[in-house]
Amino acid sequence: MQRKIYPQKAGFIPIILMWMKWDLGNHEVDFDIANDYALKAKCNQCVFTSSKENINLNESFQAMAKWLIYYANQP
């Protein structure tokens, strides 16, 4: 329900689905399944990350910042 309220008042809200602990190797979810889920949930991006190995963290937050700046400048 909140997902429907916020965009009406705030406009576009970028959502990144981040799968954590990518460095562990025994992945229960593969990328195709995760990406399909993200598309159905209307997320802007699906990314596997690892804080320990610093995989895809900065890139994900930089992408979100770019989306926020871009949509903030739209009429």
PDB file of N, CA and C in Angstrom:
ATOM      1  N   MET A   1       0.820  -1.192   0.000  1.00  0.00           N
ATOM      2  CA  MET A   1       0.000   0.000   0.000  1.00  0.00           C
ATOM      3  C   MET A   1       0.865   1.258   0.000  1.00  0.00           C
ATOM      4  N   GLN A   2       1.930   1.291   0.761  1.00  0.00           N
ATOM      5  CA  GLN A   2       2.785   2.473   0.793  1.00  0.00           C
ATOM      6  C   GLN A   2       3.378   2.763  -0.571  1.00  0.00           C
ATOM      7  N   ARG A   3       3.683   1.723  -1.341  1.00  0.00           N
ATOM      8  CA  ARG A   3       4.269   1.912  -2.661  1.00  0.00           C
ATOM      9  C   ARG A   3       3.348   2.739  -3.544  1.00  0.00           C
ATOM     10  N   LYS A   4       2.055   2.629  -3.362  1.00  0.00           N
ATOM     11  CA  LYS A   4       1.106   3.386  -4.170  1.00  0.00           C
ATOM     12  C   LYS A   4       0.972   4.827  -3.680  1.00  0.00           C
ATOM     13  N   ILE A   5       1.128   5.052  -2.396  1.00  0.00           N
ATOM     14  CA  ILE A   5       0.945   6.392  -1.838  1.00  0.00           C
ATOM     15  C   ILE A   5       2.137   7.287  -2.143  1.00  0.00           C
ATOM     16  N   TYR A   6       3.343   6.815  -1.899  1.00  0.00           N
ATOM     17  CA  TYR A   6       4.525   7.656  -2.058  1.00  0.00           C
ATOM     18  C   TYR A   6       4.710   8.215  -3.462  1.00  0.00           C
ATOM     19  N   PRO A   7       4.607   7.414  -4.535  1.00  0.00           N
ATOM     20  CA  PRO A   7       4.802   7.998  -5.860  1.00  0.00           C
ATOM     21  C   PRO A   7       3.784   9.085  -6.195  1.00  0.00           C
ATOM     22  N   GLN A   8       2.570   8.984  -5.663  1.00  0.00           N
ATOM     23  CA  GLN A   8       1.570  10.015  -5.928  1.00  0.00           C
ATOM     24  C   GLN A   8       1.988  11.350  -5.333  1.00  0.00           C
ATOM     25  N   LYS A   9       2.636  11.333  -4.196  1.00  0.00           N
ATOM     26  CA  LYS A   9       3.029  12.568  -3.528  1.00  0.00           C
ATOM     27  C   LYS A   9       4.451  12.979  -3.851  1.00  0.00           C
ATOM     28  N   ALA A  10       5.333  12.009  -4.069  1.00  0.00           N
ATOM     29  CA  ALA A  10       6.751  12.322  -4.249  1.00  0.00           C
ATOM     30  C   ALA A  10       7.223  12.181  -5.686  1.00  0.00           C
ATOM     31  N   GLY A  11       6.416  11.612  -6.555  1.00  0.00           N
ATOM     32  CA  GLY A  11       6.875  11.371  -7.913  1.00  0.00           C
ATOM     33  C   GLY A  11       7.622  10.050  -7.990  1.00  0.00           C
ATOM     34  N   PHE A  12       8.589   9.989  -8.866  1.00  0.00           N
ATOM     35  CA  PHE A  12       9.343   8.765  -9.108  1.00  0.00           C
ATOM     36  C   PHE A  12      10.225   8.414  -7.918  1.00  0.00           C
ATOM     37  N   ILE A  13      10.195   7.161  -7.515  1.00  0.00           N
ATOM     38  CA  ILE A  13      11.059   6.671  -6.443  1.00  0.00           C
ATOM     39  C   ILE A  13      11.852   5.492  -6.999  1.00  0.00           C
ATOM     40  N   PRO A  14      13.169   5.640  -7.172  1.00  0.00           N
ATOM     41  CA  PRO A  14      13.953   4.515  -7.679  1.00  0.00           C
ATOM     42  C   PRO A  14      14.084   3.426  -6.618  1.00  0.00           C
ATOM     43  N   ILE A  15      13.916   2.191  -7.059  1.00  0.00           N
ATOM     44  CA  ILE A  15      14.019   1.059  -6.148  1.00  0.00           C
ATOM     45  C   ILE A  15      15.030   0.073  -6.716  1.00  0.00           C
ATOM     46  N   ILE A  16      16.035  -0.256  -5.927  1.00  0.00           N
ATOM     47  CA  ILE A  16      17.034  -1.234  -6.321  1.00  0.00           C
ATOM     48  C   ILE A  16      16.891  -2.445  -5.408  1.00  0.00           C
ATOM     49  N   LEU A  17      16.681  -3.600  -6.011  1.00  0.00           N
ATOM     50  CA  LEU A  17      16.627  -4.840  -5.252  1.00  0.00           C
ATOM     51  C   LEU A  17      18.055  -5.348  -5.115  1.00  0.00           C
ATOM     52  N   MET A  18      18.560  -5.354  -3.887  1.00  0.00           N
ATOM     53  CA  MET A  18      19.950  -5.734  -3.645  1.00  0.00           C
ATOM     54  C   MET A  18      20.001  -7.080  -2.934  1.00  0.00           C
ATOM     55  N   TRP A  19      20.613  -8.045  -3.579  1.00  0.00           N
ATOM     56  CA  TRP A  19      20.809  -9.368  -2.999  1.00  0.00           C
ATOM     57  C   TRP A  19      22.176  -9.359  -2.339  1.00  0.00           C
ATOM     58  N   MET A  20      22.217  -9.629  -1.058  1.00  0.00           N
ATOM     59  CA  MET A  20      23.440  -9.497  -0.271  1.00  0.00           C
ATOM     60  C   MET A  20      24.234 -10.810  -0.210  1.00  0.00           C
ATOM     61  N   LYS A  21      25.457 -10.682   0.273  1.00  0.00           N
ATOM     62  CA  LYS A  21      26.357 -11.811   0.541  1.00  0.00           C
ATOM     63  C   LYS A  21      26.703 -12.606  -0.718  1.00  0.00           C
ATOM     64  N   TRP A  22      26.909 -11.912  -1.823  1.00  0.00           N
ATOM     65  CA  TRP A  22      27.255 -12.544  -3.087  1.00  0.00           C
ATOM     66  C   TRP A  22      28.590 -13.283  -2.994  1.00  0.00           C
ATOM     67  N   ASP A  23      29.437 -12.897  -2.071  1.00  0.00           N
ATOM     68  CA  ASP A  23      30.753 -13.519  -1.921  1.00  0.00           C
ATOM     69  C   ASP A  23      30.680 -14.933  -1.354  1.00  0.00           C
ATOM     70  N   LEU A  24      29.530 -15.338  -0.844  1.00  0.00           N
ATOM     71  CA  LEU A  24      29.443 -16.636  -0.184  1.00  0.00           C
ATOM     72  C   LEU A  24      29.358 -17.826  -1.141  1.00  0.00           C
ATOM     73  N   GLY A  25      29.022 -17.741  -2.309  1.00  0.00           N
ATOM     74  CA  GLY A  25      29.110 -18.878  -3.211  1.00  0.00           C
ATOM     75  C   GLY A  25      27.973 -19.881  -3.188  1.00  0.00           C
ATOM     76  N   ASN A  26      27.302 -20.126  -2.083  1.00  0.00           N
ATOM     77  CA  ASN A  26      26.172 -21.068  -2.063  1.00  0.00           C
ATOM     78  C   ASN A  26      24.869 -20.289  -2.241  1.00  0.00           C
ATOM     79  N   HIS A  27      24.691 -19.764  -3.437  1.00  0.00           N
ATOM     80  CA  HIS A  27      23.547 -18.896  -3.725  1.00  0.00           C
ATOM     81  C   HIS A  27      22.271 -19.712  -3.861  1.00  0.00           C
ATOM     82  N   GLU A  28      21.252 -19.308  -3.157  1.00  0.00           N
ATOM     83  CA  GLU A  28      19.966 -19.986  -3.239  1.00  0.00           C
ATOM     84  C   GLU A  28      19.126 -19.451  -4.389  1.00  0.00           C
ATOM     85  N   VAL A  29      19.445 -18.265  -4.876  1.00  0.00           N
ATOM     86  CA  VAL A  29      18.686 -17.634  -5.952  1.00  0.00           C
ATOM     87  C   VAL A  29      19.655 -17.249  -7.057  1.00  0.00           C
ATOM     88  N   ASP A  30      19.372 -17.694  -8.290  1.00  0.00           N
ATOM     89  CA  ASP A  30      20.260 -17.288  -9.378  1.00  0.00           C
ATOM     90  C   ASP A  30      19.790 -15.955  -9.960  1.00  0.00           C
ATOM     91  N   PHE A  31      20.618 -15.370 -10.815  1.00  0.00           N
ATOM     92  CA  PHE A  31      20.345 -14.021 -11.305  1.00  0.00           C
ATOM     93  C   PHE A  31      19.048 -13.946 -12.095  1.00  0.00           C
ATOM     94  N   ASP A  32      18.752 -14.928 -12.936  1.00  0.00           N
ATOM     95  CA  ASP A  32      17.536 -14.873 -13.753  1.00  0.00           C
ATOM     96  C   ASP A  32      16.278 -14.829 -12.894  1.00  0.00           C
ATOM     97  N   ILE A  33      16.232 -15.639 -11.855  1.00  0.00           N
ATOM     98  CA  ILE A  33      15.073 -15.637 -10.953  1.00  0.00           C
ATOM     99  C   ILE A  33      14.975 -14.305 -10.216  1.00  0.00           C
ATOM    100  N   ALA A  34      16.101 -13.816  -9.724  1.00  0.00           N
ATOM    101  CA  ALA A  34      16.111 -12.532  -9.018  1.00  0.00           C
ATOM    102  C   ALA A  34      15.695 -11.397  -9.940  1.00  0.00           C
ATOM    103  N   ASN A  35      16.183 -11.406 -11.165  1.00  0.00           N
ATOM    104  CA  ASN A  35      15.845 -10.351 -12.114  1.00  0.00           C
ATOM    105  C   ASN A  35      14.363 -10.397 -12.479  1.00  0.00           C
ATOM    106  N   ASP A  36      13.804 -11.586 -12.685  1.00  0.00           N
ATOM    107  CA  ASP A  36      12.368 -11.717 -12.955  1.00  0.00           C
ATOM    108  C   ASP A  36      11.546 -11.172 -11.794  1.00  0.00           C
ATOM    109  N   TYR A  37      11.957 -11.484 -10.578  1.00  0.00           N
ATOM    110  CA  TYR A  37      11.259 -10.972  -9.397  1.00  0.00           C
ATOM    111  C   TYR A  37      11.315  -9.447  -9.359  1.00  0.00           C
ATOM    112  N   ALA A  38      12.486  -8.892  -9.638  1.00  0.00           N
ATOM    113  CA  ALA A  38      12.651  -7.434  -9.627  1.00  0.00           C
ATOM    114  C   ALA A  38      11.766  -6.774 -10.677  1.00  0.00           C
ATOM    115  N   LEU A  39      11.678  -7.367 -11.857  1.00  0.00           N
ATOM    116  CA  LEU A  39      10.817  -6.813 -12.906  1.00  0.00           C
ATOM    117  C   LEU A  39       9.352  -6.841 -12.488  1.00  0.00           C
ATOM    118  N   LYS A  40       8.910  -7.947 -11.904  1.00  0.00           N
ATOM    119  CA  LYS A  40       7.522  -8.061 -11.455  1.00  0.00           C
ATOM    120  C   LYS A  40       7.220  -7.086 -10.321  1.00  0.00           C
ATOM    121  N   ALA A  41       8.213  -6.820  -9.475  1.00  0.00           N
ATOM    122  CA  ALA A  41       8.040  -5.890  -8.355  1.00  0.00           C
ATOM    123  C   ALA A  41       8.259  -4.440  -8.779  1.00  0.00           C
ATOM    124  N   LYS A  42       8.531  -4.229 -10.073  1.00  0.00           N
ATOM    125  CA  LYS A  42       8.742  -2.893 -10.649  1.00  0.00           C
ATOM    126  C   LYS A  42       9.945  -2.181 -10.035  1.00  0.00           C
ATOM    127  N   CYS A  43      10.980  -2.955  -9.757  1.00  0.00           N
ATOM    128  CA  CYS A  43      12.238  -2.363  -9.298  1.00  0.00           C
ATOM    129  C   CYS A  43      13.005  -1.848 -10.510  1.00  0.00           C
ATOM    130  N   ASN A  44      13.819  -0.847 -10.313  1.00  0.00           N
ATOM    131  CA  ASN A  44      14.605  -0.286 -11.401  1.00  0.00           C
ATOM    132  C   ASN A  44      15.828  -1.122 -11.723  1.00  0.00           C
ATOM    133  N   GLN A  45      16.302  -1.838 -10.739  1.00  0.00           N
ATOM    134  CA  GLN A  45      17.534  -2.582 -10.937  1.00  0.00           C
ATOM    135  C   GLN A  45      17.581  -3.739  -9.952  1.00  0.00           C
ATOM    136  N   CYS A  46      18.186  -4.822 -10.385  1.00  0.00           N
ATOM    137  CA  CYS A  46      18.446  -5.967  -9.519  1.00  0.00           C
ATOM    138  C   CYS A  46      19.944  -6.185  -9.529  1.00  0.00           C
ATOM    139  N   VAL A  47      20.544  -6.262  -8.355  1.00  0.00           N
ATOM    140  CA  VAL A  47      21.997  -6.393  -8.295  1.00  0.00           C
ATOM    141  C   VAL A  47      22.391  -7.282  -7.120  1.00  0.00           C
ATOM    142  N   PHE A  48      23.363  -8.128  -7.380  1.00  0.00           N
ATOM    143  CA  PHE A  48      23.937  -8.939  -6.313  1.00  0.00           C
ATOM    144  C   PHE A  48      25.107  -8.170  -5.725  1.00  0.00           C
ATOM    145  N   THR A  49      25.210  -8.154  -4.403  1.00  0.00           N
ATOM    146  CA  THR A  49      26.232  -7.339  -3.750  1.00  0.00           C
ATOM    147  C   THR A  49      26.974  -8.126  -2.669  1.00  0.00           C
ATOM    148  N   SER A  50      28.114  -7.582  -2.306  1.00  0.00           N
ATOM    149  CA  SER A  50      28.874  -8.106  -1.177  1.00  0.00           C
ATOM    150  C   SER A  50      29.539  -6.937  -0.472  1.00  0.00           C
ATOM    151  N   SER A  51      29.193  -6.736   0.773  1.00  0.00           N
ATOM    152  CA  SER A  51      29.858  -5.697   1.562  1.00  0.00           C
ATOM    153  C   SER A  51      31.292  -6.107   1.871  1.00  0.00           C
ATOM    154  N   LYS A  52      31.476  -7.367   2.152  1.00  0.00           N
ATOM    155  CA  LYS A  52      32.794  -7.879   2.508  1.00  0.00           C
ATOM    156  C   LYS A  52      33.795  -7.691   1.367  1.00  0.00           C
ATOM    157  N   GLU A  53      33.375  -7.990   0.138  1.00  0.00           N
ATOM    158  CA  GLU A  53      34.253  -7.890  -1.028  1.00  0.00           C
ATOM    159  C   GLU A  53      34.074  -6.573  -1.793  1.00  0.00           C
ATOM    160  N   ASN A  54      33.180  -5.720  -1.311  1.00  0.00           N
ATOM    161  CA  ASN A  54      32.879  -4.437  -1.955  1.00  0.00           C
ATOM    162  C   ASN A  54      32.469  -4.628  -3.420  1.00  0.00           C
ATOM    163  N   ILE A  55      31.518  -5.518  -3.633  1.00  0.00           N
ATOM    164  CA  ILE A  55      31.023  -5.813  -4.974  1.00  0.00           C
ATOM    165  C   ILE A  55      29.696  -5.100  -5.194  1.00  0.00           C
ATOM    166  N   ASN A  56      29.634  -4.244  -6.192  1.00  0.00           N
ATOM    167  CA  ASN A  56      28.424  -3.563  -6.669  1.00  0.00           C
ATOM    168  C   ASN A  56      27.771  -2.617  -5.668  1.00  0.00           C
ATOM    169  N   LEU A  57      28.426  -2.254  -4.611  1.00  0.00           N
ATOM    170  CA  LEU A  57      27.823  -1.337  -3.637  1.00  0.00           C
ATOM    171  C   LEU A  57      27.832   0.099  -4.143  1.00  0.00           C
ATOM    172  N   ASN A  58      29.002   0.624  -4.428  1.00  0.00           N
ATOM    173  CA  ASN A  58      29.090   2.011  -4.893  1.00  0.00           C
ATOM    174  C   ASN A  58      28.301   2.223  -6.168  1.00  0.00           C
ATOM    175  N   GLU A  59      28.394   1.272  -7.092  1.00  0.00           N
ATOM    176  CA  GLU A  59      27.687   1.401  -8.363  1.00  0.00           C
ATOM    177  C   GLU A  59      26.176   1.490  -8.166  1.00  0.00           C
ATOM    178  N   SER A  60      25.650   0.723  -7.234  1.00  0.00           N
ATOM    179  CA  SER A  60      24.207   0.739  -6.979  1.00  0.00           C
ATOM    180  C   SER A  60      23.751   2.077  -6.428  1.00  0.00           C
ATOM    181  N   PHE A  61      24.487   2.610  -5.473  1.00  0.00           N
ATOM    182  CA  PHE A  61      24.095   3.892  -4.890  1.00  0.00           C
ATOM    183  C   PHE A  61      24.338   5.051  -5.852  1.00  0.00           C
ATOM    184  N   GLN A  62      25.356   4.943  -6.693  1.00  0.00           N
ATOM    185  CA  GLN A  62      25.578   5.971  -7.713  1.00  0.00           C
ATOM    186  C   GLN A  62      24.447   5.959  -8.732  1.00  0.00           C
ATOM    187  N   ALA A  63      23.984   4.783  -9.112  1.00  0.00           N
ATOM    188  CA  ALA A  63      22.862   4.686 -10.044  1.00  0.00           C
ATOM    189  C   ALA A  63      21.611   5.309  -9.436  1.00  0.00           C
ATOM    190  N   MET A  64      21.353   5.029  -8.166  1.00  0.00           N
ATOM    191  CA  MET A  64      20.184   5.619  -7.518  1.00  0.00           C
ATOM    192  C   MET A  64      20.297   7.140  -7.465  1.00  0.00           C
ATOM    193  N   ALA A  65      21.463   7.654  -7.157  1.00  0.00           N
ATOM    194  CA  ALA A  65      21.665   9.105  -7.114  1.00  0.00           C
ATOM    195  C   ALA A  65      21.421   9.724  -8.484  1.00  0.00           C
ATOM    196  N   LYS A  66      21.888   9.072  -9.541  1.00  0.00           N
ATOM    197  CA  LYS A  66      21.662   9.591 -10.899  1.00  0.00           C
ATOM    198  C   LYS A  66      20.184   9.612 -11.241  1.00  0.00           C
ATOM    199  N   TRP A  67      19.448   8.539 -10.866  1.00  0.00           N
ATOM    200  CA  TRP A  67      18.006   8.523 -11.109  1.00  0.00           C
ATOM    201  C   TRP A  67      17.316   9.643 -10.349  1.00  0.00           C
ATOM    202  N   LEU A  68      17.685   9.850  -9.093  1.00  0.00           N
ATOM    203  CA  LEU A  68      17.062  10.914  -8.300  1.00  0.00           C
ATOM    204  C   LEU A  68      17.314  12.284  -8.904  1.00  0.00           C
ATOM    205  N   ILE A  69      18.542  12.536  -9.328  1.00  0.00           N
ATOM    206  CA  ILE A  69      18.877  13.827  -9.941  1.00  0.00           C
ATOM    207  C   ILE A  69      18.130  14.000 -11.254  1.00  0.00           C
ATOM    208  N   TYR A  70      18.116  12.953 -12.070  1.00  0.00           N
ATOM    209  CA  TYR A  70      17.441  13.035 -13.365  1.00  0.00           C
ATOM    210  C   TYR A  70      15.955  13.349 -13.188  1.00  0.00           C
ATOM    211  N   TYR A  71      15.264  12.578 -12.354  1.00  0.00           N
ATOM    212  CA  TYR A  71      13.828  12.770 -12.191  1.00  0.00           C
ATOM    213  C   TYR A  71      13.486  14.034 -11.409  1.00  0.00           C
ATOM    214  N   ALA A  72      14.381  14.516 -10.587  1.00  0.00           N
ATOM    215  CA  ALA A  72      14.139  15.781  -9.884  1.00  0.00           C
ATOM    216  C   ALA A  72      14.149  16.950 -10.858  1.00  0.00           C
ATOM    217  N   ASN A  73      14.846  16.800 -11.973  1.00  0.00           N
ATOM    218  CA  ASN A  73      14.939  17.868 -12.967  1.00  0.00           C
ATOM    219  C   ASN A  73      13.897  17.766 -14.068  1.00  0.00           C
ATOM    220  N   GLN A  74      12.997  16.798 -13.984  1.00  0.00           N
ATOM    221  CA  GLN A  74      11.940  16.653 -14.981  1.00  0.00           C
ATOM    222  C   GLN A  74      10.764  17.556 -14.621  1.00  0.00           C
ATOM    223  N   PRO A  75      10.075  18.063 -15.654  1.00  0.00           N
ATOM    224  CA  PRO A  75       8.912  18.937 -15.375  1.00  0.00           C
ATOM    225  C   PRO A  75       7.761  18.205 -14.724  1.00  0.00           C
TER     226      PRO A  75
END
